[in-house]
Amino acid sequence: MEAITERRVGVAIDFSECSRKALKWAVDNIVRDGDHLILVTVRPEGYYEEGEMQLWEVTGSPLIPLHEFSDPAMMKKKYGFKPDPETLDIINTVKNQKEIVVVTKIYWGDAREKICEAIDKTPLSCLIIGNRGLGKLKRAIMGSVSNYVVNNGTCPVTVVKMYDHET
């Protein structure tokens, strides 16, 4: 019986500066030829008129290939948002440099729960997530997504801090 050598490297992205930093760190330090780079994004729950999104609300979207993810008009029409140019630039650059498969999975709902769900259902070999660098008070009130995922995720989780110093 052959061991599975395909690594599924997950990166949680929300198109913020800190998620771009986590993505950049992942492609510079973790992703290697032969890997599947799986971008996990969680959108807030809402009312969806499009039938497809209603179907995906529980299970998440199907795996979205890079060519579809790179098409802002299609992403807006089909999934209700557009990825930012900087994130697309990082992804397309690594795709040109390394022999990897890049796909995106979109979930709707609570980011903490859905990222942990993605770890189990994809399944991911590891996950890289950014840390917004919230101060202690905001973190206590809002709760830290990265902290929750570190404590509840079932694969190794790397947190890439937005700032090098703790506030």
N, C-alpha and C. Protein backbone atom coordinates (compact mmCIF):
# COMPACT_ATOMS: atom_id res chain seq x y z
N MET A 1 0.84 -1.19 0.00
CA MET A 1 0.00 0.00 0.00
C MET A 1 0.88 1.25 0.00
N GLU A 2 0.62 2.16 -0.91
CA GLU A 2 1.43 3.38 -1.00
C GLU A 2 0.96 4.43 -0.02
N ALA A 3 1.92 5.10 0.56
CA ALA A 3 1.58 6.21 1.47
C ALA A 3 1.18 7.42 0.61
N ILE A 4 0.25 8.18 1.10
CA ILE A 4 -0.17 9.39 0.38
C ILE A 4 0.90 10.46 0.60
N THR A 5 1.48 10.93 -0.49
CA THR A 5 2.54 11.92 -0.37
C THR A 5 2.03 13.33 -0.70
N GLU A 6 0.81 13.41 -1.19
CA GLU A 6 0.25 14.71 -1.55
C GLU A 6 -0.05 15.51 -0.28
N ARG A 7 0.57 16.67 -0.20
CA ARG A 7 0.28 17.53 0.96
C ARG A 7 -0.78 18.53 0.57
N ARG A 8 -1.70 18.76 1.50
CA ARG A 8 -2.74 19.77 1.31
C ARG A 8 -2.47 20.88 2.29
N VAL A 9 -1.87 21.94 1.79
CA VAL A 9 -1.51 23.08 2.62
C VAL A 9 -2.65 24.09 2.57
N GLY A 10 -3.28 24.31 3.72
CA GLY A 10 -4.38 25.26 3.79
C GLY A 10 -3.89 26.61 4.26
N VAL A 11 -4.45 27.66 3.68
CA VAL A 11 -4.18 29.02 4.14
C VAL A 11 -5.54 29.70 4.29
N ALA A 12 -5.81 30.19 5.50
CA ALA A 12 -7.05 30.92 5.75
C ALA A 12 -6.87 32.34 5.22
N ILE A 13 -7.75 32.75 4.32
CA ILE A 13 -7.64 34.10 3.74
C ILE A 13 -8.94 34.86 3.89
N ASP A 14 -8.82 36.14 4.24
CA ASP A 14 -9.99 37.01 4.29
C ASP A 14 -9.72 38.30 3.51
N PHE A 15 -8.64 38.26 2.70
CA PHE A 15 -8.27 39.37 1.83
C PHE A 15 -7.83 40.61 2.59
N SER A 16 -7.41 40.43 3.84
CA SER A 16 -6.86 41.53 4.64
C SER A 16 -5.34 41.50 4.50
N GLU A 17 -4.71 42.55 4.99
CA GLU A 17 -3.25 42.61 4.94
C GLU A 17 -2.62 41.45 5.71
N CYS A 18 -3.21 41.09 6.85
CA CYS A 18 -2.62 40.01 7.64
C CYS A 18 -2.82 38.65 6.97
N SER A 19 -3.90 38.44 6.23
CA SER A 19 -4.05 37.16 5.54
C SER A 19 -3.11 37.09 4.33
N ARG A 20 -2.84 38.23 3.68
CA ARG A 20 -1.86 38.24 2.59
C ARG A 20 -0.48 37.92 3.14
N LYS A 21 -0.16 38.44 4.32
CA LYS A 21 1.14 38.15 4.94
C LYS A 21 1.26 36.65 5.24
N ALA A 22 0.18 36.04 5.74
CA ALA A 22 0.18 34.60 6.03
C ALA A 22 0.34 33.79 4.73
N LEU A 23 -0.37 34.21 3.68
CA LEU A 23 -0.26 33.53 2.39
C LEU A 23 1.16 33.63 1.84
N LYS A 24 1.73 34.82 1.90
CA LYS A 24 3.10 35.02 1.41
C LYS A 24 4.07 34.16 2.22
N TRP A 25 3.91 34.12 3.53
CA TRP A 25 4.78 33.30 4.38
C TRP A 25 4.64 31.82 3.99
N ALA A 26 3.42 31.38 3.76
CA ALA A 26 3.18 29.98 3.40
C ALA A 26 3.86 29.61 2.09
N VAL A 27 3.72 30.47 1.07
CA VAL A 27 4.32 30.13 -0.22
C VAL A 27 5.85 30.24 -0.18
N ASP A 28 6.37 31.11 0.67
CA ASP A 28 7.83 31.24 0.79
C ASP A 28 8.44 30.13 1.64
N ASN A 29 7.71 29.60 2.63
CA ASN A 29 8.31 28.70 3.60
C ASN A 29 7.77 27.27 3.62
N ILE A 30 6.55 27.05 3.15
CA ILE A 30 5.91 25.74 3.30
C ILE A 30 5.62 25.05 1.97
N VAL A 31 5.01 25.77 1.06
CA VAL A 31 4.54 25.19 -0.19
C VAL A 31 5.71 24.74 -1.06
N ARG A 32 5.62 23.49 -1.54
CA ARG A 32 6.66 22.95 -2.42
C ARG A 32 6.01 22.21 -3.58
N ASP A 33 6.82 21.89 -4.59
CA ASP A 33 6.31 21.19 -5.77
C ASP A 33 5.51 19.96 -5.36
N GLY A 34 4.38 19.75 -6.03
CA GLY A 34 3.54 18.59 -5.76
C GLY A 34 2.43 18.85 -4.74
N ASP A 35 2.49 19.98 -4.06
CA ASP A 35 1.48 20.30 -3.04
C ASP A 35 0.18 20.78 -3.68
N HIS A 36 -0.88 20.64 -2.90
CA HIS A 36 -2.15 21.31 -3.19
C HIS A 36 -2.22 22.48 -2.23
N LEU A 37 -2.32 23.69 -2.75
CA LEU A 37 -2.50 24.89 -1.93
C LEU A 37 -3.99 25.17 -1.91
N ILE A 38 -4.57 25.06 -0.72
CA ILE A 38 -6.01 25.22 -0.59
C ILE A 38 -6.31 26.48 0.22
N LEU A 39 -6.90 27.45 -0.45
CA LEU A 39 -7.24 28.72 0.18
C LEU A 39 -8.63 28.56 0.80
N VAL A 40 -8.72 28.81 2.09
CA VAL A 40 -9.99 28.67 2.80
C VAL A 40 -10.46 30.07 3.18
N THR A 41 -11.63 30.43 2.70
CA THR A 41 -12.17 31.73 3.06
C THR A 41 -13.58 31.55 3.62
N VAL A 42 -13.92 32.37 4.60
CA VAL A 42 -15.23 32.28 5.24
C VAL A 42 -15.92 33.63 5.08
N ARG A 43 -17.09 33.59 4.50
CA ARG A 43 -17.89 34.80 4.31
C ARG A 43 -18.94 34.85 5.40
N PRO A 44 -19.39 36.04 5.78
CA PRO A 44 -20.45 36.12 6.79
C PRO A 44 -21.73 35.50 6.25
N GLU A 45 -22.53 34.94 7.15
CA GLU A 45 -23.81 34.38 6.72
C GLU A 45 -24.71 35.52 6.29
N GLY A 46 -25.60 35.23 5.37
CA GLY A 46 -26.53 36.26 4.91
C GLY A 46 -27.62 35.63 4.09
N TYR A 47 -28.48 36.45 3.59
CA TYR A 47 -29.56 35.94 2.75
C TYR A 47 -29.05 35.88 1.31
N TYR A 48 -29.17 34.73 0.68
CA TYR A 48 -28.67 34.57 -0.68
C TYR A 48 -29.84 34.33 -1.61
N GLU A 49 -29.90 35.11 -2.66
CA GLU A 49 -30.95 34.89 -3.66
C GLU A 49 -30.51 33.82 -4.64
N GLU A 50 -29.20 33.77 -4.92
CA GLU A 50 -28.71 32.78 -5.88
C GLU A 50 -28.87 31.38 -5.30
N GLY A 51 -29.43 30.49 -6.09
CA GLY A 51 -29.71 29.13 -5.63
C GLY A 51 -28.47 28.35 -5.25
N GLU A 52 -27.37 28.52 -6.02
CA GLU A 52 -26.16 27.75 -5.75
C GLU A 52 -25.62 28.03 -4.35
N MET A 53 -25.61 29.29 -3.96
CA MET A 53 -25.07 29.62 -2.64
C MET A 53 -25.90 29.03 -1.52
N GLN A 54 -27.21 28.94 -1.72
CA GLN A 54 -28.05 28.32 -0.69
C GLN A 54 -27.66 26.86 -0.50
N LEU A 55 -27.35 26.17 -1.58
CA LEU A 55 -26.93 24.78 -1.49
C LEU A 55 -25.61 24.63 -0.75
N TRP A 56 -24.72 25.60 -0.92
CA TRP A 56 -23.38 25.51 -0.36
C TRP A 56 -23.27 26.02 1.06
N GLU A 57 -24.34 26.64 1.57
CA GLU A 57 -24.26 27.26 2.88
C GLU A 57 -23.85 26.26 3.96
N VAL A 58 -24.30 25.02 3.86
CA VAL A 58 -23.98 24.01 4.87
C VAL A 58 -22.63 23.36 4.61
N THR A 59 -22.37 22.98 3.36
CA THR A 59 -21.17 22.20 3.05
C THR A 59 -20.00 23.04 2.56
N GLY A 60 -20.24 24.30 2.27
CA GLY A 60 -19.21 25.11 1.64
C GLY A 60 -19.26 24.92 0.13
N SER A 61 -18.56 25.77 -0.58
CA SER A 61 -18.56 25.71 -2.04
C SER A 61 -17.80 24.46 -2.49
N PRO A 62 -17.98 24.10 -3.77
CA PRO A 62 -17.07 23.08 -4.31
C PRO A 62 -15.66 23.69 -4.35
N LEU A 63 -14.64 22.87 -4.57
CA LEU A 63 -13.29 23.41 -4.72
C LEU A 63 -13.25 24.23 -6.01
N ILE A 64 -12.83 25.48 -5.88
CA ILE A 64 -12.84 26.42 -7.01
C ILE A 64 -11.44 26.45 -7.62
N PRO A 65 -11.32 26.10 -8.91
CA PRO A 65 -9.99 26.13 -9.53
C PRO A 65 -9.47 27.55 -9.68
N LEU A 66 -8.15 27.67 -9.78
CA LEU A 66 -7.50 28.99 -9.83
C LEU A 66 -8.02 29.86 -10.97
N HIS A 67 -8.24 29.29 -12.15
CA HIS A 67 -8.69 30.12 -13.28
C HIS A 67 -10.04 30.77 -12.98
N GLU A 68 -10.90 30.08 -12.24
CA GLU A 68 -12.20 30.66 -11.87
C GLU A 68 -12.03 31.69 -10.76
N PHE A 69 -11.18 31.36 -9.76
CA PHE A 69 -10.93 32.26 -8.64
C PHE A 69 -10.29 33.57 -9.13
N SER A 70 -9.51 33.47 -10.22
CA SER A 70 -8.81 34.65 -10.76
C SER A 70 -9.70 35.54 -11.61
N ASP A 71 -10.96 35.15 -11.82
CA ASP A 71 -11.89 35.91 -12.65
C ASP A 71 -12.84 36.70 -11.74
N PRO A 72 -12.53 38.00 -11.47
CA PRO A 72 -13.33 38.77 -10.52
C PRO A 72 -14.82 38.83 -10.86
N ALA A 73 -15.16 38.94 -12.13
CA ALA A 73 -16.58 39.04 -12.52
C ALA A 73 -17.30 37.74 -12.18
N MET A 74 -16.68 36.60 -12.48
CA MET A 74 -17.30 35.32 -12.18
C MET A 74 -17.43 35.10 -10.67
N MET A 75 -16.40 35.47 -9.92
CA MET A 75 -16.43 35.30 -8.47
C MET A 75 -17.55 36.14 -7.86
N LYS A 76 -17.70 37.37 -8.34
CA LYS A 76 -18.75 38.26 -7.82
C LYS A 76 -20.13 37.68 -8.13
N LYS A 77 -20.31 37.23 -9.37
CA LYS A 77 -21.61 36.72 -9.79
C LYS A 77 -21.95 35.41 -9.08
N LYS A 78 -20.99 34.50 -9.01
CA LYS A 78 -21.27 33.16 -8.52
C LYS A 78 -21.18 33.03 -7.01
N TYR A 79 -20.25 33.78 -6.38
CA TYR A 79 -20.01 33.60 -4.94
C TYR A 79 -20.23 34.86 -4.11
N GLY A 80 -20.50 35.99 -4.75
CA GLY A 80 -20.86 37.20 -4.03
C GLY A 80 -19.72 38.04 -3.51
N PHE A 81 -18.50 37.81 -3.99
CA PHE A 81 -17.37 38.67 -3.60
C PHE A 81 -16.26 38.55 -4.63
N LYS A 82 -15.32 39.50 -4.56
CA LYS A 82 -14.18 39.47 -5.48
C LYS A 82 -12.89 39.40 -4.66
N PRO A 83 -11.97 38.50 -5.04
CA PRO A 83 -10.67 38.48 -4.38
C PRO A 83 -9.88 39.75 -4.75
N ASP A 84 -9.03 40.20 -3.83
CA ASP A 84 -8.28 41.42 -4.10
C ASP A 84 -7.08 41.13 -5.01
N PRO A 85 -6.63 42.14 -5.77
CA PRO A 85 -5.53 41.95 -6.72
C PRO A 85 -4.23 41.48 -6.06
N GLU A 86 -3.92 41.96 -4.85
CA GLU A 86 -2.67 41.57 -4.18
C GLU A 86 -2.66 40.08 -3.87
N THR A 87 -3.78 39.55 -3.38
CA THR A 87 -3.87 38.12 -3.08
C THR A 87 -3.72 37.31 -4.37
N LEU A 88 -4.40 37.73 -5.43
CA LEU A 88 -4.30 37.04 -6.71
C LEU A 88 -2.87 37.07 -7.24
N ASP A 89 -2.17 38.19 -7.04
CA ASP A 89 -0.80 38.31 -7.50
C ASP A 89 0.11 37.30 -6.79
N ILE A 90 -0.04 37.17 -5.47
CA ILE A 90 0.76 36.21 -4.70
C ILE A 90 0.50 34.79 -5.21
N ILE A 91 -0.78 34.45 -5.41
CA ILE A 91 -1.15 33.10 -5.83
C ILE A 91 -0.64 32.80 -7.24
N ASN A 92 -0.85 33.73 -8.17
CA ASN A 92 -0.41 33.49 -9.55
C ASN A 92 1.10 33.44 -9.67
N THR A 93 1.80 34.21 -8.84
CA THR A 93 3.27 34.17 -8.84
C THR A 93 3.76 32.80 -8.40
N VAL A 94 3.23 32.28 -7.29
CA VAL A 94 3.68 30.96 -6.81
C VAL A 94 3.28 29.86 -7.79
N LYS A 95 2.13 29.99 -8.43
CA LYS A 95 1.69 28.99 -9.40
C LYS A 95 2.65 28.94 -10.58
N ASN A 96 3.22 30.09 -10.96
CA ASN A 96 4.18 30.12 -12.06
C ASN A 96 5.56 29.60 -11.65
N GLN A 97 5.86 29.64 -10.35
CA GLN A 97 7.19 29.24 -9.87
C GLN A 97 7.25 27.78 -9.44
N LYS A 98 6.13 27.22 -9.01
CA LYS A 98 6.14 25.87 -8.45
C LYS A 98 5.08 25.01 -9.13
N GLU A 99 5.32 23.71 -9.14
CA GLU A 99 4.37 22.75 -9.69
C GLU A 99 3.35 22.40 -8.62
N ILE A 100 2.32 23.23 -8.49
CA ILE A 100 1.32 23.01 -7.45
C ILE A 100 -0.08 23.13 -8.04
N VAL A 101 -1.05 22.63 -7.30
CA VAL A 101 -2.45 22.80 -7.64
C VAL A 101 -3.02 23.80 -6.64
N VAL A 102 -3.70 24.84 -7.14
CA VAL A 102 -4.28 25.86 -6.26
C VAL A 102 -5.80 25.82 -6.42
N VAL A 103 -6.48 25.65 -5.28
CA VAL A 103 -7.95 25.68 -5.29
C VAL A 103 -8.42 26.50 -4.08
N THR A 104 -9.65 26.96 -4.16
CA THR A 104 -10.24 27.75 -3.08
C THR A 104 -11.51 27.06 -2.61
N LYS A 105 -11.75 27.13 -1.32
CA LYS A 105 -12.98 26.60 -0.72
C LYS A 105 -13.60 27.74 0.08
N ILE A 106 -14.86 28.02 -0.19
CA ILE A 106 -15.55 29.11 0.51
C ILE A 106 -16.59 28.51 1.45
N TYR A 107 -16.59 29.02 2.66
CA TYR A 107 -17.62 28.64 3.64
C TYR A 107 -18.39 29.90 4.02
N TRP A 108 -19.58 29.70 4.55
CA TRP A 108 -20.38 30.81 5.05
C TRP A 108 -20.68 30.54 6.51
N GLY A 109 -20.48 31.55 7.36
CA GLY A 109 -20.79 31.39 8.78
C GLY A 109 -19.68 31.90 9.68
N ASP A 110 -19.53 31.26 10.84
CA ASP A 110 -18.54 31.66 11.84
C ASP A 110 -17.16 31.16 11.42
N ALA A 111 -16.21 32.09 11.27
CA ALA A 111 -14.88 31.75 10.77
C ALA A 111 -14.20 30.69 11.63
N ARG A 112 -14.34 30.79 12.95
CA ARG A 112 -13.67 29.83 13.84
C ARG A 112 -14.13 28.40 13.54
N GLU A 113 -15.44 28.21 13.51
CA GLU A 113 -16.00 26.87 13.29
C GLU A 113 -15.73 26.37 11.87
N LYS A 114 -15.90 27.23 10.90
CA LYS A 114 -15.79 26.81 9.50
C LYS A 114 -14.35 26.48 9.11
N ILE A 115 -13.38 27.21 9.66
CA ILE A 115 -11.98 26.87 9.36
C ILE A 115 -11.63 25.50 9.95
N CYS A 116 -12.10 25.23 11.16
CA CYS A 116 -11.88 23.90 11.76
C CYS A 116 -12.58 22.82 10.94
N GLU A 117 -13.76 23.12 10.42
CA GLU A 117 -14.49 22.19 9.56
C GLU A 117 -13.70 21.90 8.28
N ALA A 118 -13.10 22.94 7.71
CA ALA A 118 -12.30 22.78 6.50
C ALA A 118 -11.10 21.87 6.74
N ILE A 119 -10.48 21.99 7.92
CA ILE A 119 -9.34 21.15 8.26
C ILE A 119 -9.75 19.68 8.20
N ASP A 120 -10.91 19.36 8.75
CA ASP A 120 -11.37 17.96 8.82
C ASP A 120 -11.92 17.44 7.50
N LYS A 121 -12.68 18.27 6.80
CA LYS A 121 -13.40 17.77 5.62
C LYS A 121 -12.56 17.78 4.36
N THR A 122 -11.50 18.59 4.31
CA THR A 122 -10.75 18.67 3.05
C THR A 122 -9.92 17.41 2.80
N PRO A 123 -9.26 16.76 3.68
CA PRO A 123 -8.65 17.25 4.92
C PRO A 123 -7.32 17.95 4.61
N LEU A 124 -6.92 18.84 5.53
CA LEU A 124 -5.68 19.59 5.35
C LEU A 124 -4.52 18.92 6.11
N SER A 125 -3.33 18.99 5.52
CA SER A 125 -2.12 18.48 6.18
C SER A 125 -1.66 19.48 7.23
N CYS A 126 -1.84 20.77 6.93
CA CYS A 126 -1.48 21.84 7.86
C CYS A 126 -2.26 23.08 7.44
N LEU A 127 -2.32 24.06 8.35
CA LEU A 127 -3.03 25.30 8.06
C LEU A 127 -2.18 26.48 8.51
N ILE A 128 -2.14 27.50 7.67
CA ILE A 128 -1.46 28.75 8.02
C ILE A 128 -2.55 29.81 8.10
N ILE A 129 -2.50 30.58 9.18
CA ILE A 129 -3.52 31.61 9.42
C ILE A 129 -2.84 32.87 9.92
N GLY A 130 -3.37 34.00 9.53
CA GLY A 130 -2.83 35.28 9.99
C GLY A 130 -3.42 35.65 11.34
N ASN A 131 -2.76 36.57 11.99
CA ASN A 131 -3.20 37.08 13.29
C ASN A 131 -3.29 38.59 13.14
N ARG A 132 -4.48 39.14 13.39
CA ARG A 132 -4.68 40.57 13.15
C ARG A 132 -3.94 41.46 14.13
N GLY A 133 -3.41 40.90 15.19
CA GLY A 133 -2.70 41.72 16.16
C GLY A 133 -3.63 42.57 16.98
N LEU A 134 -4.78 42.02 17.32
CA LEU A 134 -5.71 42.77 18.18
C LEU A 134 -5.06 42.96 19.55
N GLY A 135 -5.36 44.07 20.17
CA GLY A 135 -4.88 44.29 21.53
C GLY A 135 -5.58 43.31 22.48
N LYS A 136 -5.09 43.22 23.69
CA LYS A 136 -5.64 42.26 24.66
C LYS A 136 -7.14 42.48 24.91
N LEU A 137 -7.59 43.73 24.99
CA LEU A 137 -8.99 44.01 25.27
C LEU A 137 -9.89 43.57 24.10
N LYS A 138 -9.54 43.98 22.88
CA LYS A 138 -10.34 43.59 21.72
C LYS A 138 -10.36 42.07 21.57
N ARG A 139 -9.22 41.42 21.80
CA ARG A 139 -9.14 39.97 21.68
C ARG A 139 -10.05 39.31 22.71
N ALA A 140 -10.10 39.86 23.91
CA ALA A 140 -10.95 39.30 24.98
C ALA A 140 -12.44 39.45 24.63
N ILE A 141 -12.80 40.58 24.01
CA ILE A 141 -14.20 40.83 23.67
C ILE A 141 -14.61 40.06 22.41
N MET A 142 -13.81 40.15 21.36
CA MET A 142 -14.17 39.57 20.07
C MET A 142 -13.78 38.10 19.94
N GLY A 143 -12.78 37.70 20.70
CA GLY A 143 -12.27 36.34 20.53
C GLY A 143 -11.36 36.29 19.33
N SER A 144 -10.31 35.54 19.43
CA SER A 144 -9.34 35.44 18.35
C SER A 144 -9.64 34.20 17.51
N VAL A 145 -9.83 34.39 16.21
CA VAL A 145 -10.06 33.26 15.31
C VAL A 145 -8.84 32.36 15.31
N SER A 146 -7.65 32.95 15.19
CA SER A 146 -6.43 32.13 15.14
C SER A 146 -6.25 31.33 16.43
N ASN A 147 -6.53 31.94 17.57
CA ASN A 147 -6.41 31.24 18.86
C ASN A 147 -7.37 30.06 18.92
N TYR A 148 -8.59 30.26 18.48
CA TYR A 148 -9.59 29.19 18.47
C TYR A 148 -9.13 28.03 17.59
N VAL A 149 -8.64 28.37 16.39
CA VAL A 149 -8.22 27.33 15.43
C VAL A 149 -7.01 26.57 15.96
N VAL A 150 -6.06 27.28 16.59
CA VAL A 150 -4.90 26.61 17.18
C VAL A 150 -5.35 25.59 18.23
N ASN A 151 -6.33 25.97 19.05
CA ASN A 151 -6.78 25.10 20.14
C ASN A 151 -7.76 24.02 19.71
N ASN A 152 -8.44 24.18 18.59
CA ASN A 152 -9.47 23.23 18.19
C ASN A 152 -9.21 22.53 16.85
N GLY A 153 -8.26 23.01 16.08
CA GLY A 153 -7.96 22.39 14.78
C GLY A 153 -7.30 21.04 14.97
N THR A 154 -7.51 20.13 14.01
CA THR A 154 -6.99 18.77 14.13
C THR A 154 -5.75 18.54 13.26
N CYS A 155 -5.14 19.61 12.79
CA CYS A 155 -3.87 19.50 12.05
C CYS A 155 -2.92 20.55 12.61
N PRO A 156 -1.63 20.48 12.28
CA PRO A 156 -0.72 21.54 12.73
C PRO A 156 -1.17 22.89 12.17
N VAL A 157 -1.19 23.91 13.04
CA VAL A 157 -1.60 25.26 12.66
C VAL A 157 -0.46 26.22 12.94
N THR A 158 -0.10 27.01 11.94
CA THR A 158 0.93 28.04 12.10
C THR A 158 0.25 29.40 12.05
N VAL A 159 0.51 30.23 13.05
CA VAL A 159 -0.05 31.58 13.09
C VAL A 159 1.05 32.55 12.68
N VAL A 160 0.78 33.32 11.62
CA VAL A 160 1.72 34.34 11.16
C VAL A 160 1.24 35.67 11.72
N LYS A 161 2.06 36.26 12.57
CA LYS A 161 1.66 37.50 13.24
C LYS A 161 1.78 38.69 12.29
N MET A 162 0.84 39.60 12.44
CA MET A 162 0.82 40.81 11.61
C MET A 162 2.02 41.69 11.97
N TYR A 163 2.30 41.76 13.25
CA TYR A 163 3.40 42.60 13.72
C TYR A 163 4.36 41.71 14.50
N ASP A 164 5.62 42.06 14.48
CA ASP A 164 6.61 41.26 15.17
C ASP A 164 6.57 41.44 16.68
N HIS A 165 5.96 42.52 17.15
CA HIS A 165 5.90 42.74 18.59
C HIS A 165 4.48 42.53 19.10
N GLU A 166 4.33 42.07 20.31
CA GLU A 166 3.01 41.84 20.91
C GLU A 166 2.54 43.15 21.52
N THR A 167 1.28 43.54 21.23
CA THR A 167 0.75 44.79 21.79
C THR A 167 0.03 44.53 23.08
